[in-house]
Amino acid sequence: MNNLETNRLKEDLKATVTELSDTYEELSLLYRLSEEFSGLSSFKEVIECIRYHHEHYDGTGIHGLCGEEIPLMARILAVADAFDAMMSDRPYRKKKSIDETVREIITCAGKQFDPNVVQACILLVKSTHKIILPEPESYI
């Protein structure tokens, strides 16, 4: 392995560690907040949304919930959170374009995200942006 490859590997590893650290901090804070407000029945849906928005539709998420077991608001937040993350600059990467973000969201439909939520998200984005959708529109 030459110096260029070694440096590239170090940068990739640093980016991965930074991303994992950011995710852990977010989950830790959200979990503490959800615990703090768990006694308030009016916050029940908000708490479930916070707690389960990192679940994956196919059941490979943090708590192992899948499909309809994941609260709807958490499934919606999962797509919105991922969309926002991809559309934002991070210390370890530049933001993606709207087309790249939409393609990634569609790619993850049925795996990470609820396909119905993805469809609604894409329809909303299409109503405000000119985007190029991959063919066929398999998320529908």
Protein backbone atom coordinates (compact mmCIF):
# COMPACT_ATOMS: atom_id res chain seq x y z
CA MET A 1 0.00 0.00 0.00
CA ASN A 2 1.50 3.34 -0.99
CA ASN A 3 1.33 6.61 0.97
CA LEU A 4 -1.62 7.96 -1.01
CA GLU A 5 -3.67 4.82 -0.35
CA THR A 6 -2.67 4.86 3.32
CA ASN A 7 -3.67 8.50 3.70
CA ARG A 8 -6.99 7.88 1.95
CA LEU A 9 -7.69 4.92 4.26
CA LYS A 10 -6.87 7.04 7.31
CA GLU A 11 -9.27 9.78 6.14
CA ASP A 12 -12.04 7.22 5.48
CA LEU A 13 -11.53 5.71 8.93
CA LYS A 14 -11.54 9.16 10.56
CA ALA A 15 -14.82 10.02 8.76
CA THR A 16 -16.40 6.74 9.88
CA VAL A 17 -15.37 7.28 13.52
CA THR A 18 -16.71 10.87 13.41
CA GLU A 19 -20.02 9.71 11.93
CA LEU A 20 -20.41 6.94 14.52
CA SER A 21 -19.57 9.35 17.32
CA ASP A 22 -22.13 11.88 16.07
CA THR A 23 -24.80 9.17 15.79
CA TYR A 24 -24.04 7.85 19.29
CA GLU A 25 -24.23 11.35 20.77
CA GLU A 26 -27.57 12.01 19.01
CA LEU A 27 -29.05 8.71 20.17
CA SER A 28 -27.76 9.21 23.71
CA LEU A 29 -29.26 12.69 23.96
CA LEU A 30 -32.57 11.64 22.37
CA TYR A 31 -32.85 8.63 24.65
CA ARG A 32 -32.16 10.75 27.76
CA LEU A 33 -34.79 13.27 26.63
CA SER A 34 -37.32 10.53 25.98
CA GLU A 35 -36.69 9.08 29.44
CA GLU A 36 -37.06 12.53 31.02
CA PHE A 37 -40.50 13.05 29.45
CA SER A 38 -41.69 9.42 29.56
CA GLY A 39 -44.09 10.11 32.45
CA LEU A 40 -46.01 12.69 30.46
CA SER A 41 -48.77 10.92 28.56
CA SER A 42 -49.19 13.85 26.16
CA PHE A 43 -45.65 13.22 24.91
CA LYS A 44 -46.14 9.48 24.30
CA GLU A 45 -46.14 9.72 20.48
CA VAL A 46 -43.22 12.15 20.48
CA ILE A 47 -41.23 9.88 22.78
CA GLU A 48 -41.90 6.81 20.59
CA CYS A 49 -40.94 8.82 17.52
CA ILE A 50 -37.64 9.83 19.11
CA ARG A 51 -36.90 6.38 20.50
CA TYR A 52 -37.65 4.40 17.32
CA HIS A 53 -36.66 6.66 14.41
CA HIS A 54 -33.41 4.73 13.91
CA GLU A 55 -35.30 1.45 13.42
CA HIS A 56 -35.05 -0.07 9.96
CA TYR A 57 -38.18 -1.15 8.15
CA ASP A 58 -36.67 -4.60 7.49
CA GLY A 59 -36.04 -5.18 11.22
CA THR A 60 -32.28 -4.60 11.25
CA GLY A 61 -32.46 -1.44 13.40
CA ILE A 62 -31.48 -0.83 16.99
CA HIS A 63 -34.46 -2.46 18.75
CA GLY A 64 -35.29 -5.03 16.06
CA LEU A 65 -38.76 -3.67 15.31
CA CYS A 66 -39.85 -4.06 11.70
CA GLY A 67 -42.51 -2.80 9.34
CA GLU A 68 -45.74 -1.70 11.01
CA GLU A 69 -44.28 -2.46 14.47
CA ILE A 70 -42.37 0.81 14.13
CA PRO A 71 -44.62 3.77 15.03
CA LEU A 72 -45.67 5.71 11.91
CA MET A 73 -44.25 9.00 13.19
CA ALA A 74 -40.88 7.30 13.75
CA ARG A 75 -40.95 5.94 10.18
CA ILE A 76 -41.67 9.43 8.88
CA LEU A 77 -38.93 10.99 11.02
CA ALA A 78 -36.46 8.33 9.82
CA VAL A 79 -36.89 9.45 6.20
CA ALA A 80 -36.90 13.15 7.10
CA ASP A 81 -33.78 12.78 9.27
CA ALA A 82 -31.89 10.87 6.58
CA PHE A 83 -33.00 13.36 3.92
CA ASP A 84 -31.79 16.27 6.05
CA ALA A 85 -28.50 14.55 6.86
CA MET A 86 -27.73 13.86 3.20
CA MET A 87 -28.65 17.42 2.19
CA SER A 88 -26.34 18.93 4.85
CA ASP A 89 -22.58 19.35 4.87
CA ARG A 90 -20.79 17.30 7.48
CA PRO A 91 -17.22 17.67 8.73
CA TYR A 92 -16.33 14.43 6.92
CA ARG A 93 -18.25 14.95 3.63
CA LYS A 94 -20.00 17.47 1.44
CA LYS A 95 -23.78 17.50 1.13
CA LYS A 96 -25.43 15.49 -1.64
CA SER A 97 -27.50 17.02 -4.41
CA ILE A 98 -31.27 16.69 -4.28
CA ASP A 99 -31.13 14.06 -7.05
CA GLU A 100 -28.47 12.02 -5.20
CA THR A 101 -30.47 12.26 -1.98
CA VAL A 102 -33.70 11.15 -3.65
CA ARG A 103 -31.92 8.20 -5.32
CA GLU A 104 -30.45 7.12 -1.97
CA ILE A 105 -33.82 7.36 -0.20
CA ILE A 106 -35.44 5.31 -2.98
CA THR A 107 -32.64 2.72 -2.81
CA CYS A 108 -33.31 2.26 0.90
CA ALA A 109 -37.11 1.88 0.53
CA GLY A 110 -38.21 -1.46 1.96
CA LYS A 111 -34.88 -1.93 3.72
CA GLN A 112 -34.20 1.05 5.95
CA PHE A 113 -37.37 3.02 5.17
CA ASP A 114 -41.09 2.34 4.87
CA PRO A 115 -41.84 2.29 1.10
CA ASN A 116 -45.11 4.18 1.64
CA VAL A 117 -43.32 6.94 3.53
CA VAL A 118 -40.66 7.08 0.81
CA GLN A 119 -43.38 7.42 -1.83
CA ALA A 120 -45.01 10.29 0.08
CA CYS A 121 -41.64 11.98 0.57
CA ILE A 122 -40.75 11.73 -3.12
CA LEU A 123 -44.16 13.10 -4.14
CA LEU A 124 -43.62 16.04 -1.79
CA VAL A 125 -40.12 16.69 -3.14
CA LYS A 126 -41.41 16.43 -6.73
CA SER A 127 -44.00 19.10 -5.95
CA THR A 128 -41.31 21.62 -5.00
CA HIS A 129 -38.22 20.57 -7.01
CA LYS A 130 -37.43 19.37 -10.48
CA ILE A 131 -35.79 16.03 -9.83
CA ILE A 132 -34.67 13.17 -12.03
CA LEU A 133 -36.13 9.91 -10.74
CA PRO A 134 -34.48 6.57 -11.42
CA GLU A 135 -36.36 4.22 -13.74
CA PRO A 136 -38.43 2.29 -12.97
CA GLU A 137 -40.03 4.04 -10.00
CA SER A 138 -39.63 0.94 -7.85
CA TYR A 139 -40.45 2.71 -4.61
CA ILE A 140 -44.13 2.97 -5.64
